[in-house]
Amino acid sequence: MTINEIQEEIIAEFSDFDDWMDRYQMLIDMGSEQAPLDEKYKTEQNLIDGCQSRVWLQADLIEGKVHFSAESDALIVKGIVALLVRVLSDHTPQEILDADLYFIDRIGLREHLSPTRSNGLGAMLKQMKMYALAFKSIHNS
């Protein structure tokens, strides 16, 4: 699936719920369903700066595609990072760098986050793009 196809799938899933309490519950469920991050990746180096809660992000380049795994100690944040991993993981560095992540606004996520969580979302996205950029430069050198 392309990044945009995954985004459309997420938009469709969220459109089933009008109430934001239901959408938050869906986010929490997504975070709970995500495989836990291996303890060896819960390091200071993998912590994302700019997040109020603790978020660890691990990125690996596997056969030319970036594979992300992540975890957070906060339920809703864990759901948000699970969404980002679902959309961006297992795509090429260039696809990740070119991605327009319109689903965040389309499902109303950004407007329903507190300013600190919204900053955290930005920090997570920035870190994922930085990994893609790093892998792209390694791959092209």
C-alpha atoms as a PDB file:
ATOM      1  CA  MET A   1       0.000   0.000   0.000  1.00  0.00           C
ATOM      2  CA  THR A   2       1.148   3.529  -0.668  1.00  0.00           C
ATOM      3  CA  ILE A   3       1.374   6.136   2.079  1.00  0.00           C
ATOM      4  CA  ASN A   4      -1.710   7.885   0.680  1.00  0.00           C
ATOM      5  CA  GLU A   5      -3.710   4.639   0.536  1.00  0.00           C
ATOM      6  CA  ILE A   6      -2.922   4.024   4.209  1.00  0.00           C
ATOM      7  CA  GLN A   7      -3.928   7.618   5.040  1.00  0.00           C
ATOM      8  CA  GLU A   8      -7.264   7.136   3.233  1.00  0.00           C
ATOM      9  CA  GLU A   9      -7.837   3.921   5.195  1.00  0.00           C
ATOM     10  CA  ILE A  10      -7.235   5.764   8.493  1.00  0.00           C
ATOM     11  CA  ILE A  11      -9.529   8.646   7.466  1.00  0.00           C
ATOM     12  CA  ALA A  12     -12.272   6.092   6.685  1.00  0.00           C
ATOM     13  CA  GLU A  13     -11.780   4.364  10.061  1.00  0.00           C
ATOM     14  CA  PHE A  14     -12.019   7.646  11.970  1.00  0.00           C
ATOM     15  CA  SER A  15     -15.044   8.824   9.969  1.00  0.00           C
ATOM     16  CA  ASP A  16     -17.055   6.046  11.641  1.00  0.00           C
ATOM     17  CA  PHE A  17     -16.975   8.121  14.842  1.00  0.00           C
ATOM     18  CA  ASP A  18     -18.382  11.625  15.283  1.00  0.00           C
ATOM     19  CA  ASP A  19     -17.614  11.890  18.975  1.00  0.00           C
ATOM     20  CA  TRP A  20     -14.034  12.715  19.915  1.00  0.00           C
ATOM     21  CA  MET A  21     -14.235  10.549  23.030  1.00  0.00           C
ATOM     22  CA  ASP A  22     -14.773   7.578  20.692  1.00  0.00           C
ATOM     23  CA  ARG A  23     -11.869   8.705  18.512  1.00  0.00           C
ATOM     24  CA  TYR A  24      -9.596   8.991  21.547  1.00  0.00           C
ATOM     25  CA  GLN A  25     -10.660   5.477  22.546  1.00  0.00           C
ATOM     26  CA  MET A  26      -9.779   4.280  19.039  1.00  0.00           C
ATOM     27  CA  LEU A  27      -6.334   5.891  19.395  1.00  0.00           C
ATOM     28  CA  ILE A  28      -5.824   4.211  22.767  1.00  0.00           C
ATOM     29  CA  ASP A  29      -6.865   0.867  21.253  1.00  0.00           C
ATOM     30  CA  MET A  30      -4.419   1.339  18.362  1.00  0.00           C
ATOM     31  CA  GLY A  31      -1.623   2.012  20.820  1.00  0.00           C
ATOM     32  CA  SER A  32      -2.565  -1.042  22.889  1.00  0.00           C
ATOM     33  CA  GLU A  33      -2.607  -3.290  19.812  1.00  0.00           C
ATOM     34  CA  GLN A  34       0.864  -2.209  18.740  1.00  0.00           C
ATOM     35  CA  ALA A  35       3.653  -4.658  19.486  1.00  0.00           C
ATOM     36  CA  PRO A  36       5.709  -3.464  22.459  1.00  0.00           C
ATOM     37  CA  LEU A  37       9.087  -1.974  21.673  1.00  0.00           C
ATOM     38  CA  ASP A  38      11.994  -4.236  22.550  1.00  0.00           C
ATOM     39  CA  GLU A  39      13.539  -3.075  25.845  1.00  0.00           C
ATOM     40  CA  LYS A  40      16.971  -2.719  24.190  1.00  0.00           C
ATOM     41  CA  TYR A  41      15.567   0.185  22.114  1.00  0.00           C
ATOM     42  CA  LYS A  42      14.246   2.105  25.126  1.00  0.00           C
ATOM     43  CA  THR A  43      17.369   4.230  25.318  1.00  0.00           C
ATOM     44  CA  GLU A  44      18.042   7.929  25.781  1.00  0.00           C
ATOM     45  CA  GLN A  45      19.193   8.035  22.159  1.00  0.00           C
ATOM     46  CA  ASN A  46      15.772   6.844  20.947  1.00  0.00           C
ATOM     47  CA  LEU A  47      13.760   9.247  23.127  1.00  0.00           C
ATOM     48  CA  ILE A  48      12.127  12.004  21.093  1.00  0.00           C
ATOM     49  CA  ASP A  49      12.903  15.536  22.250  1.00  0.00           C
ATOM     50  CA  GLY A  50       9.902  17.826  22.412  1.00  0.00           C
ATOM     51  CA  CYS A  51       7.418  15.285  23.730  1.00  0.00           C
ATOM     52  CA  GLN A  52       5.925  15.816  27.158  1.00  0.00           C
ATOM     53  CA  SER A  53       5.517  12.074  27.646  1.00  0.00           C
ATOM     54  CA  ARG A  54       8.271   9.602  26.914  1.00  0.00           C
ATOM     55  CA  VAL A  55       8.301   8.379  23.306  1.00  0.00           C
ATOM     56  CA  TRP A  56      10.919   6.018  21.953  1.00  0.00           C
ATOM     57  CA  LEU A  57      11.386   5.649  18.207  1.00  0.00           C
ATOM     58  CA  GLN A  58      13.563   3.017  16.575  1.00  0.00           C
ATOM     59  CA  ALA A  59      14.270   3.083  12.837  1.00  0.00           C
ATOM     60  CA  ASP A  60      15.992   0.422  10.749  1.00  0.00           C
ATOM     61  CA  LEU A  61      16.701   0.294   7.038  1.00  0.00           C
ATOM     62  CA  ILE A  62      15.604  -3.116   5.745  1.00  0.00           C
ATOM     63  CA  GLU A  63      15.992  -3.868   2.038  1.00  0.00           C
ATOM     64  CA  GLY A  64      15.854  -0.178   1.137  1.00  0.00           C
ATOM     65  CA  LYS A  65      12.784   0.580   3.259  1.00  0.00           C
ATOM     66  CA  VAL A  66      12.613   2.280   6.639  1.00  0.00           C
ATOM     67  CA  HIS A  67      10.991   0.190   9.348  1.00  0.00           C
ATOM     68  CA  PHE A  68       9.841   2.132  12.391  1.00  0.00           C
ATOM     69  CA  SER A  69       8.908   0.792  15.781  1.00  0.00           C
ATOM     70  CA  ALA A  70       7.902   2.984  18.694  1.00  0.00           C
ATOM     71  CA  GLU A  71       6.339   3.122  22.110  1.00  0.00           C
ATOM     72  CA  SER A  72       5.160   5.713  24.598  1.00  0.00           C
ATOM     73  CA  ASP A  73       4.328   5.648  28.275  1.00  0.00           C
ATOM     74  CA  ALA A  74       1.149   7.700  27.644  1.00  0.00           C
ATOM     75  CA  LEU A  75      -1.934   5.988  26.205  1.00  0.00           C
ATOM     76  CA  ILE A  76      -3.078   8.580  23.647  1.00  0.00           C
ATOM     77  CA  VAL A  77       0.477   9.399  22.588  1.00  0.00           C
ATOM     78  CA  LYS A  78       1.119   5.682  22.100  1.00  0.00           C
ATOM     79  CA  GLY A  79      -1.894   5.651  19.756  1.00  0.00           C
ATOM     80  CA  ILE A  80      -0.642   8.688  17.848  1.00  0.00           C
ATOM     81  CA  VAL A  81       2.812   7.183  17.356  1.00  0.00           C
ATOM     82  CA  ALA A  82       1.161   3.876  16.324  1.00  0.00           C
ATOM     83  CA  LEU A  83      -0.710   5.804  13.601  1.00  0.00           C
ATOM     84  CA  LEU A  84       2.490   7.462  12.364  1.00  0.00           C
ATOM     85  CA  VAL A  85       4.320   4.123  12.317  1.00  0.00           C
ATOM     86  CA  ARG A  86       1.425   2.557  10.390  1.00  0.00           C
ATOM     87  CA  VAL A  87       1.538   5.306   7.757  1.00  0.00           C
ATOM     88  CA  LEU A  88       5.299   5.744   7.327  1.00  0.00           C
ATOM     89  CA  SER A  89       6.863   2.387   8.179  1.00  0.00           C
ATOM     90  CA  ASP A  90       8.114   0.094   5.418  1.00  0.00           C
ATOM     91  CA  HIS A  91       8.421   2.788   2.755  1.00  0.00           C
ATOM     92  CA  THR A  92      11.562   4.087   1.070  1.00  0.00           C
ATOM     93  CA  PRO A  93      13.347   7.094   2.587  1.00  0.00           C
ATOM     94  CA  GLN A  94      12.296   9.196  -0.430  1.00  0.00           C
ATOM     95  CA  GLU A  95       8.625   8.217  -0.079  1.00  0.00           C
ATOM     96  CA  ILE A  96       8.743   9.251   3.579  1.00  0.00           C
ATOM     97  CA  LEU A  97      10.445  12.562   2.774  1.00  0.00           C
ATOM     98  CA  ASP A  98       7.897  13.294   0.014  1.00  0.00           C
ATOM     99  CA  ALA A  99       4.870  12.303   2.104  1.00  0.00           C
ATOM    100  CA  ASP A 100       2.172  14.888   2.703  1.00  0.00           C
ATOM    101  CA  LEU A 101       0.569  13.660   5.899  1.00  0.00           C
ATOM    102  CA  TYR A 102      -2.851  15.175   5.316  1.00  0.00           C
ATOM    103  CA  PHE A 103      -4.673  12.542   7.403  1.00  0.00           C
ATOM    104  CA  ILE A 104      -3.682  14.332  10.636  1.00  0.00           C
ATOM    105  CA  ASP A 105      -5.800  17.360   9.738  1.00  0.00           C
ATOM    106  CA  ARG A 106      -8.496  15.386   7.906  1.00  0.00           C
ATOM    107  CA  ILE A 107      -9.353  13.296  10.984  1.00  0.00           C
ATOM    108  CA  GLY A 108      -9.212  16.437  13.144  1.00  0.00           C
ATOM    109  CA  LEU A 109      -6.358  15.137  15.241  1.00  0.00           C
ATOM    110  CA  ARG A 110      -4.271  18.301  15.398  1.00  0.00           C
ATOM    111  CA  GLU A 111      -7.187  20.497  16.499  1.00  0.00           C
ATOM    112  CA  HIS A 112      -8.135  18.036  19.279  1.00  0.00           C
ATOM    113  CA  LEU A 113      -4.678  17.840  20.829  1.00  0.00           C
ATOM    114  CA  SER A 114      -3.398  20.027  23.611  1.00  0.00           C
ATOM    115  CA  PRO A 115      -0.574  22.380  22.529  1.00  0.00           C
ATOM    116  CA  THR A 116       2.028  20.156  24.219  1.00  0.00           C
ATOM    117  CA  ARG A 117       0.722  17.021  22.482  1.00  0.00           C
ATOM    118  CA  SER A 118       0.575  18.885  19.190  1.00  0.00           C
ATOM    119  CA  ASN A 119       4.227  19.889  19.650  1.00  0.00           C
ATOM    120  CA  GLY A 120       5.008  16.261  20.443  1.00  0.00           C
ATOM    121  CA  LEU A 121       3.283  15.133  17.241  1.00  0.00           C
ATOM    122  CA  GLY A 122       5.457  17.583  15.303  1.00  0.00           C
ATOM    123  CA  ALA A 123       8.571  16.282  17.068  1.00  0.00           C
ATOM    124  CA  MET A 124       7.671  12.665  16.207  1.00  0.00           C
ATOM    125  CA  LEU A 125       7.137  13.535  12.538  1.00  0.00           C
ATOM    126  CA  LYS A 126      10.355  15.527  12.404  1.00  0.00           C
ATOM    127  CA  GLN A 127      12.332  12.634  13.909  1.00  0.00           C
ATOM    128  CA  MET A 128      10.839  10.141  11.432  1.00  0.00           C
ATOM    129  CA  LYS A 129      11.753  12.420   8.512  1.00  0.00           C
ATOM    130  CA  MET A 130      15.261  12.881   9.950  1.00  0.00           C
ATOM    131  CA  TYR A 131      15.751   9.106  10.012  1.00  0.00           C
ATOM    132  CA  ALA A 132      14.535   8.910   6.398  1.00  0.00           C
ATOM    133  CA  LEU A 133      16.949  11.671   5.391  1.00  0.00           C
ATOM    134  CA  ALA A 134      19.849   9.951   7.177  1.00  0.00           C
ATOM    135  CA  PHE A 135      19.063   6.596   5.539  1.00  0.00           C
ATOM    136  CA  LYS A 136      18.708   8.276   2.140  1.00  0.00           C
ATOM    137  CA  SER A 137      22.137   9.918   2.436  1.00  0.00           C
ATOM    138  CA  ILE A 138      23.753   6.648   3.558  1.00  0.00           C
ATOM    139  CA  HIS A 139      22.022   4.746   0.751  1.00  0.00           C
ATOM    140  CA  ASN A 140      23.087   7.291  -1.908  1.00  0.00           C
ATOM    141  CA  SER A 141      26.725   7.618  -0.831  1.00  0.00           C
END
